[in-house]
Every structure is written in C-alpha cells, then in structure tokens.
Amino acid sequence: MLSHTSMFALALALALGATTATAKDAAKALTPQQQRMADCNQQAADMTGAQRKSFMSACLKGEAVAAPATQTQQEKMTSCNAQASSKNLKGADRRTFMSTCLRGDHTATAPAH
C-alpha cells in the first residue's frame, strides 16, 4: 500500500500534469484568422476548382457567403410539392411547375391564366 505521503505526491503530480495539459491546450487555441480558415475550409469541403477558390477568397475576407445548398432529390420533391400546394396548382399547371422546380430552375412560377 502507498503511504499518505506517497499518495499525496501522486495526487500532486496528477494535478500538476492536468494543469500543464490545460496550459498546452490553451496555447494551441486558434487565432481568429486560423479559426476563420478552419471554418471556411470545412464549409468548402465539397467544392473544387474555381468555385472553391472564389468561395474561400470571399469567406476569408469575412464576406457573408452562403455555401451552395445541395438538396437530395427527396428534399427537392418535398420543397417543390409544398410550393405547388401553397400556390393551389392542379393538373397540367402543377405538372409544369413541378418539372421546372425539380430541374432546379429557381425562377419557377405558376403559369398565368
């Protein structure tokens, strides 16, 4: 068994080790620019080429840049369906709207009567 002195020394060593680890972690804290770089890099993970370069440039300057949203086909269908329903579209008008909306044409509007 450990004596009280040995247990105290062990507890002290563990406490000092934890304090040292915390100090090292604090020293590893990212600067604001490094954090911005990490955040922008994470947002641009699925981008390549000119799109990535343009996004990173704007993001690193601190400009508000929305990463292009990518929707699954199911999400597109749900969104377009909700829009068509809110516009009370039926029959051919609904089919035309849905077709345009699902292609990703953001200018999809209800046909005029």
PDB file of N, CA and C in Angstrom:
ATOM      1  N   MET A   1       0.823  -1.183   0.000  1.00  0.00           N
ATOM      2  CA  MET A   1       0.000   0.000   0.000  1.00  0.00           C
ATOM      3  C   MET A   1       0.863   1.240   0.000  1.00  0.00           C
ATOM      4  N   LEU A   2       0.310   2.297  -0.562  1.00  0.00           N
ATOM      5  CA  LEU A   2       1.031   3.556  -0.602  1.00  0.00           C
ATOM      6  C   LEU A   2       0.847   4.297   0.711  1.00  0.00           C
ATOM      7  N   SER A   3       1.898   4.948   1.146  1.00  0.00           N
ATOM      8  CA  SER A   3       1.792   5.753   2.367  1.00  0.00           C
ATOM      9  C   SER A   3       1.049   7.045   2.029  1.00  0.00           C
ATOM     10  N   HIS A   4       0.643   7.756   3.060  1.00  0.00           N
ATOM     11  CA  HIS A   4      -0.071   9.017   2.846  1.00  0.00           C
ATOM     12  C   HIS A   4       0.797  10.000   2.077  1.00  0.00           C
ATOM     13  N   THR A   5       2.064  10.006   2.367  1.00  0.00           N
ATOM     14  CA  THR A   5       2.984  10.905   1.682  1.00  0.00           C
ATOM     15  C   THR A   5       3.070  10.530   0.204  1.00  0.00           C
ATOM     16  N   SER A   6       3.156   9.242  -0.092  1.00  0.00           N
ATOM     17  CA  SER A   6       3.232   8.789  -1.481  1.00  0.00           C
ATOM     18  C   SER A   6       1.946   9.118  -2.231  1.00  0.00           C
ATOM     19  N   MET A   7       0.797   8.912  -1.578  1.00  0.00           N
ATOM     20  CA  MET A   7      -0.482   9.218  -2.221  1.00  0.00           C
ATOM     21  C   MET A   7      -0.608  10.720  -2.469  1.00  0.00           C
ATOM     22  N   PHE A   8      -0.132  11.536  -1.523  1.00  0.00           N
ATOM     23  CA  PHE A   8      -0.164  12.979  -1.698  1.00  0.00           C
ATOM     24  C   PHE A   8       0.715  13.389  -2.877  1.00  0.00           C
ATOM     25  N   ALA A   9       1.901  12.806  -2.937  1.00  0.00           N
ATOM     26  CA  ALA A   9       2.823  13.116  -4.026  1.00  0.00           C
ATOM     27  C   ALA A   9       2.218  12.715  -5.373  1.00  0.00           C
ATOM     28  N   LEU A  10       1.558  11.547  -5.414  1.00  0.00           N
ATOM     29  CA  LEU A  10       0.926  11.081  -6.637  1.00  0.00           C
ATOM     30  C   LEU A  10      -0.219  12.012  -7.031  1.00  0.00           C
ATOM     31  N   ALA A  11      -1.043  12.418  -6.073  1.00  0.00           N
ATOM     32  CA  ALA A  11      -2.151  13.329  -6.351  1.00  0.00           C
ATOM     33  C   ALA A  11      -1.639  14.670  -6.849  1.00  0.00           C
ATOM     34  N   LEU A  12      -0.558  15.163  -6.237  1.00  0.00           N
ATOM     35  CA  LEU A  12       0.043  16.433  -6.645  1.00  0.00           C
ATOM     36  C   LEU A  12       0.577  16.336  -8.069  1.00  0.00           C
ATOM     37  N   ALA A  13       1.239  15.222  -8.360  1.00  0.00           N
ATOM     38  CA  ALA A  13       1.782  15.023  -9.704  1.00  0.00           C
ATOM     39  C   ALA A  13       0.667  14.990 -10.752  1.00  0.00           C
ATOM     40  N   LEU A  14      -0.421  14.308 -10.422  1.00  0.00           N
ATOM     41  CA  LEU A  14      -1.551  14.246 -11.347  1.00  0.00           C
ATOM     42  C   LEU A  14      -2.175  15.628 -11.554  1.00  0.00           C
ATOM     43  N   ALA A  15      -2.303  16.384 -10.466  1.00  0.00           N
ATOM     44  CA  ALA A  15      -2.880  17.723 -10.562  1.00  0.00           C
ATOM     45  C   ALA A  15      -1.995  18.629 -11.399  1.00  0.00           C
ATOM     46  N   LEU A  16      -0.693  18.563 -11.188  1.00  0.00           N
ATOM     47  CA  LEU A  16       0.229  19.381 -11.985  1.00  0.00           C
ATOM     48  C   LEU A  16       0.203  18.962 -13.444  1.00  0.00           C
ATOM     49  N   GLY A  17       0.104  17.682 -13.688  1.00  0.00           N
ATOM     50  CA  GLY A  17       0.027  17.193 -15.069  1.00  0.00           C
ATOM     51  C   GLY A  17      -1.220  17.696 -15.762  1.00  0.00           C
ATOM     52  N   ALA A  18      -2.342  17.718 -15.055  1.00  0.00           N
ATOM     53  CA  ALA A  18      -3.589  18.216 -15.627  1.00  0.00           C
ATOM     54  C   ALA A  18      -3.489  19.712 -15.912  1.00  0.00           C
ATOM     55  N   THR A  19      -2.845  20.455 -15.014  1.00  0.00           N
ATOM     56  CA  THR A  19      -2.668  21.887 -15.212  1.00  0.00           C
ATOM     57  C   THR A  19      -1.778  22.143 -16.413  1.00  0.00           C
ATOM     58  N   THR A  20      -0.728  21.368 -16.564  1.00  0.00           N
ATOM     59  CA  THR A  20       0.177  21.522 -17.694  1.00  0.00           C
ATOM     60  C   THR A  20      -0.549  21.207 -18.996  1.00  0.00           C
ATOM     61  N   ALA A  21      -1.363  20.154 -19.007  1.00  0.00           N
ATOM     62  CA  ALA A  21      -2.111  19.792 -20.207  1.00  0.00           C
ATOM     63  C   ALA A  21      -3.078  20.909 -20.577  1.00  0.00           C
ATOM     64  N   THR A  22      -3.714  21.514 -19.588  1.00  0.00           N
ATOM     65  CA  THR A  22      -4.649  22.602 -19.857  1.00  0.00           C
ATOM     66  C   THR A  22      -3.911  23.802 -20.422  1.00  0.00           C
ATOM     67  N   ALA A  23      -2.747  24.103 -19.902  1.00  0.00           N
ATOM     68  CA  ALA A  23      -1.951  25.219 -20.403  1.00  0.00           C
ATOM     69  C   ALA A  23      -1.526  24.968 -21.846  1.00  0.00           C
ATOM     70  N   LYS A  24      -1.165  23.722 -22.156  1.00  0.00           N
ATOM     71  CA  LYS A  24      -0.779  23.396 -23.532  1.00  0.00           C
ATOM     72  C   LYS A  24      -1.968  23.534 -24.465  1.00  0.00           C
ATOM     73  N   ASP A  25      -3.163  23.088 -24.017  1.00  0.00           N
ATOM     74  CA  ASP A  25      -4.364  23.211 -24.830  1.00  0.00           C
ATOM     75  C   ASP A  25      -4.685  24.676 -25.095  1.00  0.00           C
ATOM     76  N   ALA A  26      -4.504  25.517 -24.076  1.00  0.00           N
ATOM     77  CA  ALA A  26      -4.770  26.943 -24.235  1.00  0.00           C
ATOM     78  C   ALA A  26      -3.790  27.560 -25.222  1.00  0.00           C
ATOM     79  N   ALA A  27      -2.544  27.089 -25.211  1.00  0.00           N
ATOM     80  CA  ALA A  27      -1.550  27.602 -26.142  1.00  0.00           C
ATOM     81  C   ALA A  27      -1.877  27.184 -27.571  1.00  0.00           C
ATOM     82  N   LYS A  28      -2.600  26.066 -27.722  1.00  0.00           N
ATOM     83  CA  LYS A  28      -2.973  25.584 -29.048  1.00  0.00           C
ATOM     84  C   LYS A  28      -4.241  26.243 -29.567  1.00  0.00           C
ATOM     85  N   ALA A  29      -4.856  27.120 -28.803  1.00  0.00           N
ATOM     86  CA  ALA A  29      -6.082  27.777 -29.245  1.00  0.00           C
ATOM     87  C   ALA A  29      -5.794  28.524 -30.539  1.00  0.00           C
ATOM     88  N   LEU A  30      -6.728  28.441 -31.449  1.00  0.00           N
ATOM     89  CA  LEU A  30      -6.556  29.064 -32.754  1.00  0.00           C
ATOM     90  C   LEU A  30      -6.766  30.567 -32.667  1.00  0.00           C
ATOM     91  N   THR A  31      -5.994  31.289 -33.468  1.00  0.00           N
ATOM     92  CA  THR A  31      -6.216  32.723 -33.583  1.00  0.00           C
ATOM     93  C   THR A  31      -7.514  32.917 -34.362  1.00  0.00           C
ATOM     94  N   PRO A  32      -8.101  34.106 -34.313  1.00  0.00           N
ATOM     95  CA  PRO A  32      -9.337  34.326 -35.077  1.00  0.00           C
ATOM     96  C   PRO A  32      -9.172  34.012 -36.574  1.00  0.00           C
ATOM     97  N   GLN A  33      -8.039  34.379 -37.154  1.00  0.00           N
ATOM     98  CA  GLN A  33      -7.813  34.110 -38.578  1.00  0.00           C
ATOM     99  C   GLN A  33      -7.691  32.600 -38.826  1.00  0.00           C
ATOM    100  N   GLN A  34      -7.023  31.886 -37.930  1.00  0.00           N
ATOM    101  CA  GLN A  34      -6.902  30.438 -38.079  1.00  0.00           C
ATOM    102  C   GLN A  34      -8.264  29.768 -37.939  1.00  0.00           C
ATOM    103  N   GLN A  35      -9.082  30.275 -37.023  1.00  0.00           N
ATOM    104  CA  GLN A  35     -10.424  29.717 -36.841  1.00  0.00           C
ATOM    105  C   GLN A  35     -11.265  29.971 -38.077  1.00  0.00           C
ATOM    106  N   ARG A  36     -11.150  31.181 -38.643  1.00  0.00           N
ATOM    107  CA  ARG A  36     -11.897  31.505 -39.864  1.00  0.00           C
ATOM    108  C   ARG A  36     -11.469  30.577 -40.990  1.00  0.00           C
ATOM    109  N   MET A  37     -10.151  30.334 -41.104  1.00  0.00           N
ATOM    110  CA  MET A  37      -9.633  29.439 -42.152  1.00  0.00           C
ATOM    111  C   MET A  37     -10.209  28.035 -41.967  1.00  0.00           C
ATOM    112  N   ALA A  38     -10.235  27.556 -40.736  1.00  0.00           N
ATOM    113  CA  ALA A  38     -10.767  26.221 -40.464  1.00  0.00           C
ATOM    114  C   ALA A  38     -12.252  26.164 -40.802  1.00  0.00           C
ATOM    115  N   ASP A  39     -13.006  27.198 -40.420  1.00  0.00           N
ATOM    116  CA  ASP A  39     -14.439  27.230 -40.697  1.00  0.00           C
ATOM    117  C   ASP A  39     -14.718  27.286 -42.205  1.00  0.00           C
ATOM    118  N   CYS A  40     -14.003  28.174 -42.901  1.00  0.00           N
ATOM    119  CA  CYS A  40     -14.200  28.301 -44.349  1.00  0.00           C
ATOM    120  C   CYS A  40     -13.823  27.007 -45.056  1.00  0.00           C
ATOM    121  N   ASN A  41     -12.727  26.398 -44.637  1.00  0.00           N
ATOM    122  CA  ASN A  41     -12.267  25.157 -45.239  1.00  0.00           C
ATOM    123  C   ASN A  41     -13.303  24.049 -45.054  1.00  0.00           C
ATOM    124  N   GLN A  42     -13.909  24.005 -43.885  1.00  0.00           N
ATOM    125  CA  GLN A  42     -14.926  22.991 -43.618  1.00  0.00           C
ATOM    126  C   GLN A  42     -16.155  23.221 -44.495  1.00  0.00           C
ATOM    127  N   GLN A  43     -16.561  24.484 -44.662  1.00  0.00           N
ATOM    128  CA  GLN A  43     -17.723  24.798 -45.493  1.00  0.00           C
ATOM    129  C   GLN A  43     -17.471  24.485 -46.966  1.00  0.00           C
ATOM    130  N   ALA A  44     -16.217  24.585 -47.394  1.00  0.00           N
ATOM    131  CA  ALA A  44     -15.874  24.379 -48.798  1.00  0.00           C
ATOM    132  C   ALA A  44     -15.424  22.954 -49.090  1.00  0.00           C
ATOM    133  N   ALA A  45     -15.654  22.049 -48.162  1.00  0.00           N
ATOM    134  CA  ALA A  45     -15.152  20.678 -48.292  1.00  0.00           C
ATOM    135  C   ALA A  45     -15.588  19.987 -49.579  1.00  0.00           C
ATOM    136  N   ASP A  46     -16.800  20.235 -50.044  1.00  0.00           N
ATOM    137  CA  ASP A  46     -17.274  19.543 -51.242  1.00  0.00           C
ATOM    138  C   ASP A  46     -17.119  20.360 -52.520  1.00  0.00           C
ATOM    139  N   MET A  47     -16.430  21.489 -52.435  1.00  0.00           N
ATOM    140  CA  MET A  47     -16.212  22.343 -53.608  1.00  0.00           C
ATOM    141  C   MET A  47     -14.851  22.053 -54.213  1.00  0.00           C
ATOM    142  N   THR A  48     -14.737  22.330 -55.499  1.00  0.00           N
ATOM    143  CA  THR A  48     -13.455  22.163 -56.185  1.00  0.00           C
ATOM    144  C   THR A  48     -13.242  23.313 -57.156  1.00  0.00           C
ATOM    145  N   GLY A  49     -12.022  23.445 -57.611  1.00  0.00           N
ATOM    146  CA  GLY A  49     -11.679  24.387 -58.674  1.00  0.00           C
ATOM    147  C   GLY A  49     -12.014  25.833 -58.384  1.00  0.00           C
ATOM    148  N   ALA A  50     -12.528  26.495 -59.426  1.00  0.00           N
ATOM    149  CA  ALA A  50     -12.821  27.925 -59.350  1.00  0.00           C
ATOM    150  C   ALA A  50     -13.888  28.239 -58.308  1.00  0.00           C
ATOM    151  N   GLN A  51     -14.850  27.345 -58.156  1.00  0.00           N
ATOM    152  CA  GLN A  51     -15.906  27.572 -57.164  1.00  0.00           C
ATOM    153  C   GLN A  51     -15.301  27.639 -55.763  1.00  0.00           C
ATOM    154  N   ARG A  52     -14.403  26.701 -55.452  1.00  0.00           N
ATOM    155  CA  ARG A  52     -13.768  26.673 -54.129  1.00  0.00           C
ATOM    156  C   ARG A  52     -12.892  27.908 -53.925  1.00  0.00           C
ATOM    157  N   LYS A  53     -12.127  28.253 -54.954  1.00  0.00           N
ATOM    158  CA  LYS A  53     -11.222  29.395 -54.853  1.00  0.00           C
ATOM    159  C   LYS A  53     -12.010  30.682 -54.599  1.00  0.00           C
ATOM    160  N   SER A  54     -13.079  30.870 -55.328  1.00  0.00           N
ATOM    161  CA  SER A  54     -13.913  32.056 -55.162  1.00  0.00           C
ATOM    162  C   SER A  54     -14.552  32.086 -53.776  1.00  0.00           C
ATOM    163  N   PHE A  55     -15.091  30.942 -53.354  1.00  0.00           N
ATOM    164  CA  PHE A  55     -15.721  30.867 -52.037  1.00  0.00           C
ATOM    165  C   PHE A  55     -14.713  31.157 -50.938  1.00  0.00           C
ATOM    166  N   MET A  56     -13.550  30.511 -50.988  1.00  0.00           N
ATOM    167  CA  MET A  56     -12.541  30.691 -49.931  1.00  0.00           C
ATOM    168  C   MET A  56     -12.070  32.138 -49.869  1.00  0.00           C
ATOM    169  N   SER A  57     -11.880  32.760 -51.020  1.00  0.00           N
ATOM    170  CA  SER A  57     -11.435  34.146 -51.048  1.00  0.00           C
ATOM    171  C   SER A  57     -12.433  35.051 -50.326  1.00  0.00           C
ATOM    172  N   ALA A  58     -13.699  34.916 -50.667  1.00  0.00           N
ATOM    173  CA  ALA A  58     -14.730  35.747 -50.039  1.00  0.00           C
ATOM    174  C   ALA A  58     -14.881  35.404 -48.558  1.00  0.00           C
ATOM    175  N   CYS A  59     -14.867  34.128 -48.243  1.00  0.00           N
ATOM    176  CA  CYS A  59     -15.046  33.692 -46.861  1.00  0.00           C
ATOM    177  C   CYS A  59     -13.909  34.191 -45.968  1.00  0.00           C
ATOM    178  N   LEU A  60     -12.692  34.091 -46.431  1.00  0.00           N
ATOM    179  CA  LEU A  60     -11.545  34.517 -45.626  1.00  0.00           C
ATOM    180  C   LEU A  60     -11.498  36.027 -45.430  1.00  0.00           C
ATOM    181  N   LYS A  61     -12.116  36.768 -46.337  1.00  0.00           N
ATOM    182  CA  LYS A  61     -12.205  38.221 -46.180  1.00  0.00           C
ATOM    183  C   LYS A  61     -13.293  38.586 -45.183  1.00  0.00           C
ATOM    184  N   GLY A  62     -14.073  37.582 -44.777  1.00  0.00           N
ATOM    185  CA  GLY A  62     -15.138  37.819 -43.817  1.00  0.00           C
ATOM    186  C   GLY A  62     -16.442  38.228 -44.472  1.00  0.00           C
ATOM    187  N   GLU A  63     -16.493  38.131 -45.799  1.00  0.00           N
ATOM    188  CA  GLU A  63     -17.723  38.465 -46.500  1.00  0.00           C
ATOM    189  C   GLU A  63     -18.737  37.356 -46.270  1.00  0.00           C
ATOM    190  N   ALA A  64     -19.975  37.732 -46.140  1.00  0.00           N
ATOM    191  CA  ALA A  64     -21.029  36.739 -45.947  1.00  0.00           C
ATOM    192  C   ALA A  64     -21.214  35.977 -47.245  1.00  0.00           C
ATOM    193  N   VAL A  65     -20.898  34.709 -47.197  1.00  0.00           N
ATOM    194  CA  VAL A  65     -21.007  33.865 -48.376  1.00  0.00           C
ATOM    195  C   VAL A  65     -21.803  32.636 -47.987  1.00  0.00           C
ATOM    196  N   ALA A  66     -22.830  32.376 -48.720  1.00  0.00           N
ATOM    197  CA  ALA A  66     -23.617  31.175 -48.467  1.00  0.00           C
ATOM    198  C   ALA A  66     -23.047  30.053 -49.313  1.00  0.00           C
ATOM    199  N   ALA A  67     -22.724  28.970 -48.665  1.00  0.00           N
ATOM    200  CA  ALA A  67     -22.262  27.797 -49.405  1.00  0.00           C
ATOM    201  C   ALA A  67     -23.435  27.305 -50.241  1.00  0.00           C
ATOM    202  N   PRO A  68     -23.158  26.896 -51.467  1.00  0.00           N
ATOM    203  CA  PRO A  68     -24.256  26.426 -52.298  1.00  0.00           C
ATOM    204  C   PRO A  68     -24.964  25.256 -51.635  1.00  0.00           C
ATOM    205  N   ALA A  69     -26.256  25.387 -51.527  1.00  0.00           N
ATOM    206  CA  ALA A  69     -27.040  24.332 -50.890  1.00  0.00           C
ATOM    207  C   ALA A  69     -27.234  23.184 -51.877  1.00  0.00           C
ATOM    208  N   THR A  70     -26.985  22.014 -51.409  1.00  0.00           N
ATOM    209  CA  THR A  70     -27.231  20.846 -52.239  1.00  0.00           C
ATOM    210  C   THR A  70     -28.350  20.066 -51.587  1.00  0.00           C
ATOM    211  N   GLN A  71     -29.393  19.851 -52.344  1.00  0.00           N
ATOM    212  CA  GLN A  71     -30.537  19.129 -51.830  1.00  0.00           C
ATOM    213  C   GLN A  71     -30.577  17.744 -52.451  1.00  0.00           C
ATOM    214  N   THR A  72     -31.033  16.814 -51.686  1.00  0.00           N
ATOM    215  CA  THR A  72     -31.255  15.481 -52.240  1.00  0.00           C
ATOM    216  C   THR A  72     -32.514  15.558 -53.101  1.00  0.00           C
ATOM    217  N   GLN A  73     -32.704  14.571 -53.947  1.00  0.00           N
ATOM    218  CA  GLN A  73     -33.889  14.543 -54.796  1.00  0.00           C
ATOM    219  C   GLN A  73     -35.157  14.537 -53.940  1.00  0.00           C
ATOM    220  N   GLN A  74     -35.114  13.808 -52.829  1.00  0.00           N
ATOM    221  CA  GLN A  74     -36.274  13.748 -51.936  1.00  0.00           C
ATOM    222  C   GLN A  74     -36.576  15.129 -51.346  1.00  0.00           C
ATOM    223  N   GLU A  75     -35.532  15.871 -50.950  1.00  0.00           N
ATOM    224  CA  GLU A  75     -35.729  17.209 -50.402  1.00  0.00           C
ATOM    225  C   GLU A  75     -36.304  18.150 -51.455  1.00  0.00           C
ATOM    226  N   LYS A  76     -35.805  18.025 -52.703  1.00  0.00           N
ATOM    227  CA  LYS A  76     -36.336  18.843 -53.790  1.00  0.00           C
ATOM    228  C   LYS A  76     -37.815  18.546 -54.000  1.00  0.00           C
ATOM    229  N   MET A  77     -38.150  17.265 -54.027  1.00  0.00           N
ATOM    230  CA  MET A  77     -39.535  16.859 -54.254  1.00  0.00           C
ATOM    231  C   MET A  77     -40.438  17.425 -53.156  1.00  0.00           C
ATOM    232  N   THR A  78     -40.012  17.323 -51.918  1.00  0.00           N
ATOM    233  CA  THR A  78     -40.801  17.835 -50.800  1.00  0.00           C
ATOM    234  C   THR A  78     -40.988  19.347 -50.904  1.00  0.00           C
ATOM    235  N   SER A  79     -39.896  20.061 -51.195  1.00  0.00           N
ATOM    236  CA  SER A  79     -39.951  21.512 -51.303  1.00  0.00           C
ATOM    237  C   SER A  79     -40.843  21.951 -52.467  1.00  0.00           C
ATOM    238  N   CYS A  80     -40.642  21.363 -53.628  1.00  0.00           N
ATOM    239  CA  CYS A  80     -41.439  21.733 -54.799  1.00  0.00           C
ATOM    240  C   CYS A  80     -42.909  21.402 -54.583  1.00  0.00           C
ATOM    241  N   ASN A  81     -43.177  20.260 -53.977  1.00  0.00           N
ATOM    242  CA  ASN A  81     -44.547  19.851 -53.699  1.00  0.00           C
ATOM    243  C   ASN A  81     -45.233  20.863 -52.785  1.00  0.00           C
ATOM    244  N   ALA A  82     -44.520  21.302 -51.757  1.00  0.00           N
ATOM    245  CA  ALA A  82     -45.078  22.283 -50.823  1.00  0.00           C
ATOM    246  C   ALA A  82     -45.363  23.603 -51.538  1.00  0.00           C
ATOM    247  N   GLN A  83     -44.446  24.014 -52.412  1.00  0.00           N
ATOM    248  CA  GLN A  83     -44.652  25.266 -53.155  1.00  0.00           C
ATOM    249  C   GLN A  83     -45.866  25.159 -54.071  1.00  0.00           C
ATOM    250  N   ALA A  84     -45.970  24.031 -54.769  1.00  0.00           N
ATOM    251  CA  ALA A  84     -47.104  23.830 -55.679  1.00  0.00           C
ATOM    252  C   ALA A  84     -48.417  23.829 -54.900  1.00  0.00           C
ATOM    253  N   SER A  85     -48.411  23.196 -53.735  1.00  0.00           N
ATOM    254  CA  SER A  85     -49.624  23.164 -52.915  1.00  0.00           C
ATOM    255  C   SER A  85     -49.988  24.554 -52.417  1.00  0.00           C
ATOM    256  N   SER A  86     -48.979  25.331 -52.004  1.00  0.00           N
ATOM    257  CA  SER A  86     -49.265  26.681 -51.495  1.00  0.00           C
ATOM    258  C   SER A  86     -49.801  27.590 -52.596  1.00  0.00           C
ATOM    259  N   LYS A  87     -49.503  27.253 -53.858  1.00  0.00           N
ATOM    260  CA  LYS A  87     -50.000  28.040 -54.991  1.00  0.00           C
ATOM    261  C   LYS A  87     -51.302  27.460 -55.546  1.00  0.00           C
ATOM    262  N   ASN A  88     -51.796  26.416 -54.883  1.00  0.00           N
ATOM    263  CA  ASN A  88     -53.042  25.760 -55.295  1.00  0.00           C
ATOM    264  C   ASN A  88     -53.008  25.303 -56.749  1.00  0.00           C
ATOM    265  N   LEU A  89     -51.873  24.779 -57.193  1.00  0.00           N
ATOM    266  CA  LEU A  89     -51.747  24.317 -58.572  1.00  0.00           C
ATOM    267  C   LEU A  89     -52.343  22.933 -58.718  1.00  0.00           C
ATOM    268  N   LYS A  90     -53.001  22.704 -59.856  1.00  0.00           N
ATOM    269  CA  LYS A  90     -53.630  21.422 -60.142  1.00  0.00           C
ATOM    270  C   LYS A  90     -53.348  21.045 -61.599  1.00  0.00           C
ATOM    271  N   GLY A  91     -53.455  19.760 -61.879  1.00  0.00           N
ATOM    272  CA  GLY A  91     -53.376  19.259 -63.253  1.00  0.00           C
ATOM    273  C   GLY A  91     -52.097  19.636 -63.987  1.00  0.00           C
ATOM    274  N   ALA A  92     -52.282  20.112 -65.220  1.00  0.00           N
ATOM    275  CA  ALA A  92     -51.156  20.436 -66.099  1.00  0.00           C
ATOM    276  C   ALA A  92     -50.287  21.548 -65.521  1.00  0.00           C
ATOM    277  N   ASP A  93     -50.927  22.531 -64.878  1.00  0.00           N
ATOM    278  CA  ASP A  93     -50.153  23.626 -64.279  1.00  0.00           C
ATOM    279  C   ASP A  93     -49.215  23.097 -63.199  1.00  0.00           C
ATOM    280  N   ARG A  94     -49.719  22.175 -62.385  1.00  0.00           N
ATOM    281  CA  ARG A  94     -48.893  21.594 -61.317  1.00  0.00           C
ATOM    282  C   ARG A  94     -47.747  20.783 -61.912  1.00  0.00           C
ATOM    283  N   ARG A  95     -48.049  19.966 -62.934  1.00  0.00           N
ATOM    284  CA  ARG A  95     -47.004  19.149 -63.569  1.00  0.00           C
ATOM    285  C   ARG A  95     -45.909  20.029 -64.167  1.00  0.00           C
ATOM    286  N   THR A  96     -46.317  21.108 -64.834  1.00  0.00           N
ATOM    287  CA  THR A  96     -45.336  22.028 -65.437  1.00  0.00           C
ATOM    288  C   THR A  96     -44.482  22.669 -64.354  1.00  0.00           C
ATOM    289  N   PHE A  97     -45.131  23.146 -63.294  1.00  0.00           N
ATOM    290  CA  PHE A  97     -44.399  23.770 -62.196  1.00  0.00           C
ATOM    291  C   PHE A  97     -43.422  22.779 -61.561  1.00  0.00           C
ATOM    292  N   MET A  98     -43.910  21.575 -61.273  1.00  0.00           N
ATOM    293  CA  MET A  98     -43.065  20.563 -60.624  1.00  0.00           C
ATOM    294  C   MET A  98     -41.866  20.223 -61.488  1.00  0.00           C
ATOM    295  N   SER A  99     -42.080  20.080 -62.777  1.00  0.00           N
ATOM    296  CA  SER A  99     -40.983  19.757 -63.682  1.00  0.00           C
ATOM    297  C   SER A  99     -39.909  20.838 -63.646  1.00  0.00           C
ATOM    298  N   THR A 100     -40.343  22.074 -63.724  1.00  0.00           N
ATOM    299  CA  THR A 100     -39.405  23.208 -63.701  1.00  0.00           C
ATOM    300  C   THR A 100     -38.697  23.292 -62.347  1.00  0.00           C
ATOM    301  N   CYS A 101     -39.467  23.142 -61.289  1.00  0.00           N
ATOM    302  CA  CYS A 101     -38.908  23.238 -59.934  1.00  0.00           C
ATOM    303  C   CYS A 101     -37.886  22.127 -59.676  1.00  0.00           C
ATOM    304  N   LEU A 102     -38.209  20.907 -60.065  1.00  0.00           N
ATOM    305  CA  LEU A 102     -37.302  19.782 -59.815  1.00  0.00           C
ATOM    306  C   LEU A 102     -36.018  19.866 -60.630  1.00  0.00           C
ATOM    307  N   ARG A 103     -36.068  20.575 -61.756  1.00  0.00           N
ATOM    308  CA  ARG A 103     -34.837  20.784 -62.544  1.00  0.00           C
ATOM    309  C   ARG A 103     -33.921  21.777 -61.839  1.00  0.00           C
ATOM    310  N   GLY A 104     -34.459  22.479 -60.854  1.00  0.00           N
ATOM    311  CA  GLY A 104     -33.636  23.430 -60.103  1.00  0.00           C
ATOM    312  C   GLY A 104     -33.743  24.829 -60.632  1.00  0.00           C
ATOM    313  N   ASP A 105     -34.715  25.078 -61.517  1.00  0.00           N
ATOM    314  CA  ASP A 105     -34.927  26.421 -62.037  1.00  0.00           C
ATOM    315  C   ASP A 105     -35.562  27.251 -60.934  1.00  0.00           C
ATOM    316  N   HIS A 106     -34.797  28.146 -60.336  1.00  0.00           N
ATOM    317  CA  HIS A 106     -35.280  28.936 -59.203  1.00  0.00           C
ATOM    318  C   HIS A 106     -36.268  30.014 -59.615  1.00  0.00           C
ATOM    319  N   THR A 107     -36.474  30.148 -60.900  1.00  0.00           N
ATOM    320  CA  THR A 107     -37.436  31.146 -61.365  1.00  0.00           C
ATOM    321  C   THR A 107     -38.782  30.497 -61.654  1.00  0.00           C
ATOM    322  N   ALA A 108     -38.944  29.268 -61.149  1.00  0.00           N
ATOM    323  CA  ALA A 108     -40.208  28.556 -61.387  1.00  0.00           C
ATOM    324  C   ALA A 108     -41.361  29.346 -60.816  1.00  0.00           C
ATOM    325  N   THR A 109     -42.326  29.621 -61.663  1.00  0.00           N
ATOM    326  CA  THR A 109     -43.510  30.354 -61.238  1.00  0.00           C
ATOM    327  C   THR A 109     -44.740  29.630 -61.709  1.00  0.00           C
ATOM    328  N   ALA A 110     -45.821  29.969 -61.122  1.00  0.00           N
ATOM    329  CA  ALA A 110     -47.088  29.365 -61.535  1.00  0.00           C
ATOM    330  C   ALA A 110     -47.478  29.946 -62.889  1.00  0.00           C
ATOM    331  N   PRO A 111     -47.994  29.127 -63.781  1.00  0.00           N
ATOM    332  CA  PRO A 111     -48.422  29.628 -65.081  1.00  0.00           C
ATOM    333  C   PRO A 111     -49.551  30.645 -64.913  1.00  0.00           C
ATOM    334  N   ALA A 112     -49.531  31.660 -65.729  1.00  0.00           N
ATOM    335  CA  ALA A 112     -50.570  32.688 -65.679  1.00  0.00           C
ATOM    336  C   ALA A 112     -51.807  32.199 -66.404  1.00  0.00           C
ATOM    337  N   HIS A 113     -52.958  32.555 -65.889  1.00  0.00           N
ATOM    338  CA  HIS A 113     -54.223  32.156 -66.532  1.00  0.00           C
ATOM    339  C   HIS A 113     -54.803  33.316 -67.267  1.00  0.00           C
TER     340      HIS A 113
END
